[in-house]
Amino acid sequence: MNPPPGVPPDVAAGIVETRDAVPFAPLSARGVALDDDASPGLVRSAIRAVRSRGRVLGPVTLAIPDGVSVVARDERVWVGEKTAVDTPPRLVEIAGGRKRSPPAPD
């Protein structure tokens, strides 16, 4: 997501540009890597997408997000584990789900 300018599309599996939200469902990712220019909204969205105990990688210039505990660090990056326990999304049943056949032609 959000590759640097000049990265040709054939270098990556796909290019997605976004500003404040990642296009992934909550708890659907095992980990995420953040860049120092990620907006606060993008960071929150990315953390929501990571499963509990999943990994989060970020540069030392980026503040450690809430719900993430650092497990390793060097002079350039930190690696964290998502400690926040999230409730999985609920599936809701749609009432009146009987499928009806279209009327027969006359």
C-alpha atoms as a PDB file:
ATOM      1  CA  MET A   1       0.000   0.000   0.000  1.00  0.00           C
ATOM      2  CA  ASN A   2       1.061   3.546  -0.715  1.00  0.00           C
ATOM      3  CA  PRO A   3       4.355   2.738  -2.473  1.00  0.00           C
ATOM      4  CA  PRO A   4       6.909   5.508  -3.019  1.00  0.00           C
ATOM      5  CA  PRO A   5       6.533   7.529  -6.226  1.00  0.00           C
ATOM      6  CA  GLY A   6       8.030   5.853  -9.257  1.00  0.00           C
ATOM      7  CA  VAL A   7       7.426   2.245  -8.233  1.00  0.00           C
ATOM      8  CA  PRO A   8       6.136   0.532 -11.382  1.00  0.00           C
ATOM      9  CA  PRO A   9       3.023  -1.645 -10.953  1.00  0.00           C
ATOM     10  CA  ASP A  10       4.818  -4.733 -12.278  1.00  0.00           C
ATOM     11  CA  VAL A  11       7.224  -4.709  -9.284  1.00  0.00           C
ATOM     12  CA  ALA A  12       4.435  -5.393  -6.795  1.00  0.00           C
ATOM     13  CA  ALA A  13       1.537  -7.830  -6.812  1.00  0.00           C
ATOM     14  CA  GLY A  14      -0.723  -4.808  -6.802  1.00  0.00           C
ATOM     15  CA  ILE A  15      -0.722  -1.181  -5.770  1.00  0.00           C
ATOM     16  CA  VAL A  16      -3.310   0.216  -3.411  1.00  0.00           C
ATOM     17  CA  GLU A  17      -3.270   3.884  -2.480  1.00  0.00           C
ATOM     18  CA  THR A  18      -5.123   4.908   0.636  1.00  0.00           C
ATOM     19  CA  ARG A  19      -5.043   7.728   3.129  1.00  0.00           C
ATOM     20  CA  ASP A  20      -6.687   6.917   6.448  1.00  0.00           C
ATOM     21  CA  ALA A  21      -7.877   3.304   6.292  1.00  0.00           C
ATOM     22  CA  VAL A  22      -6.559  -0.063   5.199  1.00  0.00           C
ATOM     23  CA  PRO A  23      -8.813  -2.175   2.973  1.00  0.00           C
ATOM     24  CA  PHE A  24      -8.749  -5.199   5.297  1.00  0.00           C
ATOM     25  CA  ALA A  25     -11.361  -6.564   7.666  1.00  0.00           C
ATOM     26  CA  PRO A  26     -10.758  -6.343  11.415  1.00  0.00           C
ATOM     27  CA  LEU A  27      -8.588  -9.181  12.769  1.00  0.00           C
ATOM     28  CA  SER A  28      -7.788 -10.457   9.268  1.00  0.00           C
ATOM     29  CA  ALA A  29      -4.014  -9.838   9.175  1.00  0.00           C
ATOM     30  CA  ARG A  30      -1.208 -11.644  10.977  1.00  0.00           C
ATOM     31  CA  GLY A  31       0.901  -8.518  10.910  1.00  0.00           C
ATOM     32  CA  VAL A  32       1.450  -5.102   9.411  1.00  0.00           C
ATOM     33  CA  ALA A  33       4.429  -2.882   8.573  1.00  0.00           C
ATOM     34  CA  LEU A  34       3.968   0.848   9.051  1.00  0.00           C
ATOM     35  CA  ASP A  35       5.919   3.742   7.582  1.00  0.00           C
ATOM     36  CA  ASP A  36       6.794   6.964   9.352  1.00  0.00           C
ATOM     37  CA  ASP A  37       4.447   8.994   7.175  1.00  0.00           C
ATOM     38  CA  ALA A  38       1.351   6.899   8.071  1.00  0.00           C
ATOM     39  CA  SER A  39      -1.505   9.099   9.254  1.00  0.00           C
ATOM     40  CA  PRO A  40      -2.945   8.487  12.736  1.00  0.00           C
ATOM     41  CA  GLY A  41      -6.138   7.166  11.096  1.00  0.00           C
ATOM     42  CA  LEU A  42      -4.180   4.738   8.930  1.00  0.00           C
ATOM     43  CA  VAL A  43      -2.250   3.470  11.960  1.00  0.00           C
ATOM     44  CA  ARG A  44      -5.478   2.883  13.937  1.00  0.00           C
ATOM     45  CA  SER A  45      -7.068   1.125  10.968  1.00  0.00           C
ATOM     46  CA  ALA A  46      -4.001  -1.068  10.414  1.00  0.00           C
ATOM     47  CA  ILE A  47      -3.881  -2.063  14.095  1.00  0.00           C
ATOM     48  CA  ARG A  48      -7.592  -3.019  13.965  1.00  0.00           C
ATOM     49  CA  ALA A  49      -6.812  -5.289  11.007  1.00  0.00           C
ATOM     50  CA  VAL A  50      -4.134  -7.208  12.945  1.00  0.00           C
ATOM     51  CA  ARG A  51      -5.163 -10.271  14.949  1.00  0.00           C
ATOM     52  CA  SER A  52      -4.511 -10.378  18.677  1.00  0.00           C
ATOM     53  CA  ARG A  53      -0.844 -11.336  19.267  1.00  0.00           C
ATOM     54  CA  GLY A  54      -0.049 -10.383  15.658  1.00  0.00           C
ATOM     55  CA  ARG A  55       3.099  -8.455  14.775  1.00  0.00           C
ATOM     56  CA  VAL A  56       3.428  -4.748  14.034  1.00  0.00           C
ATOM     57  CA  LEU A  57       6.608  -3.249  12.558  1.00  0.00           C
ATOM     58  CA  GLY A  58       7.329   0.463  12.580  1.00  0.00           C
ATOM     59  CA  PRO A  59      10.200   2.929  12.353  1.00  0.00           C
ATOM     60  CA  VAL A  60      11.526   4.402  15.618  1.00  0.00           C
ATOM     61  CA  THR A  61      10.194   7.778  14.453  1.00  0.00           C
ATOM     62  CA  LEU A  62       6.640   6.435  14.737  1.00  0.00           C
ATOM     63  CA  ALA A  63       5.056   6.350  18.197  1.00  0.00           C
ATOM     64  CA  ILE A  64       4.116   2.916  19.499  1.00  0.00           C
ATOM     65  CA  PRO A  65       0.358   2.588  18.890  1.00  0.00           C
ATOM     66  CA  ASP A  66      -2.042   1.928  21.756  1.00  0.00           C
ATOM     67  CA  GLY A  67      -2.602  -1.784  22.227  1.00  0.00           C
ATOM     68  CA  VAL A  68       0.879  -2.702  20.950  1.00  0.00           C
ATOM     69  CA  SER A  69       3.765  -3.871  23.165  1.00  0.00           C
ATOM     70  CA  VAL A  70       7.356  -3.681  21.855  1.00  0.00           C
ATOM     71  CA  VAL A  71       9.142  -7.040  21.731  1.00  0.00           C
ATOM     72  CA  ALA A  72      12.310  -5.956  19.852  1.00  0.00           C
ATOM     73  CA  ARG A  73      13.953  -2.732  18.743  1.00  0.00           C
ATOM     74  CA  ASP A  74      17.112  -1.476  17.078  1.00  0.00           C
ATOM     75  CA  GLU A  75      18.277   1.961  15.933  1.00  0.00           C
ATOM     76  CA  ARG A  76      15.888   1.981  12.933  1.00  0.00           C
ATOM     77  CA  VAL A  77      12.726  -0.033  13.710  1.00  0.00           C
ATOM     78  CA  TRP A  78      10.673  -1.584  16.486  1.00  0.00           C
ATOM     79  CA  VAL A  79       8.669  -4.797  16.372  1.00  0.00           C
ATOM     80  CA  GLY A  80       5.575  -5.015  18.503  1.00  0.00           C
ATOM     81  CA  GLU A  81       2.910  -7.515  19.399  1.00  0.00           C
ATOM     82  CA  LYS A  82      -0.729  -6.541  19.403  1.00  0.00           C
ATOM     83  CA  THR A  83      -1.834  -6.977  22.994  1.00  0.00           C
ATOM     84  CA  ALA A  84      -5.299  -5.521  22.674  1.00  0.00           C
ATOM     85  CA  VAL A  85      -7.951  -8.231  22.682  1.00  0.00           C
ATOM     86  CA  ASP A  86     -10.538  -7.490  20.043  1.00  0.00           C
ATOM     87  CA  THR A  87     -13.973  -8.933  19.720  1.00  0.00           C
ATOM     88  CA  PRO A  88     -14.424 -10.588  16.332  1.00  0.00           C
ATOM     89  CA  PRO A  89     -17.054  -8.989  14.120  1.00  0.00           C
ATOM     90  CA  ARG A  90     -20.549 -10.454  14.579  1.00  0.00           C
ATOM     91  CA  LEU A  91     -22.426 -11.959  11.688  1.00  0.00           C
ATOM     92  CA  VAL A  92     -26.031 -10.944  11.642  1.00  0.00           C
ATOM     93  CA  GLU A  93     -28.859 -12.991  10.244  1.00  0.00           C
ATOM     94  CA  ILE A  94     -31.111 -11.293   7.763  1.00  0.00           C
ATOM     95  CA  ALA A  95     -34.755 -11.984   8.578  1.00  0.00           C
ATOM     96  CA  GLY A  96     -37.151 -13.296   5.970  1.00  0.00           C
ATOM     97  CA  GLY A  97     -34.463 -15.137   4.092  1.00  0.00           C
ATOM     98  CA  ARG A  98     -36.784 -17.453   2.119  1.00  0.00           C
ATOM     99  CA  LYS A  99     -35.805 -17.357  -1.498  1.00  0.00           C
ATOM    100  CA  ARG A 100     -38.729 -17.211  -3.857  1.00  0.00           C
ATOM    101  CA  SER A 101     -38.711 -18.362  -7.455  1.00  0.00           C
ATOM    102  CA  PRO A 102     -39.670 -15.812 -10.075  1.00  0.00           C
ATOM    103  CA  PRO A 103     -43.216 -16.161 -11.373  1.00  0.00           C
ATOM    104  CA  ALA A 104     -43.708 -18.535 -14.306  1.00  0.00           C
ATOM    105  CA  PRO A 105     -44.308 -16.834 -17.680  1.00  0.00           C
ATOM    106  CA  ASP A 106     -47.897 -16.905 -18.937  1.00  0.00           C
END
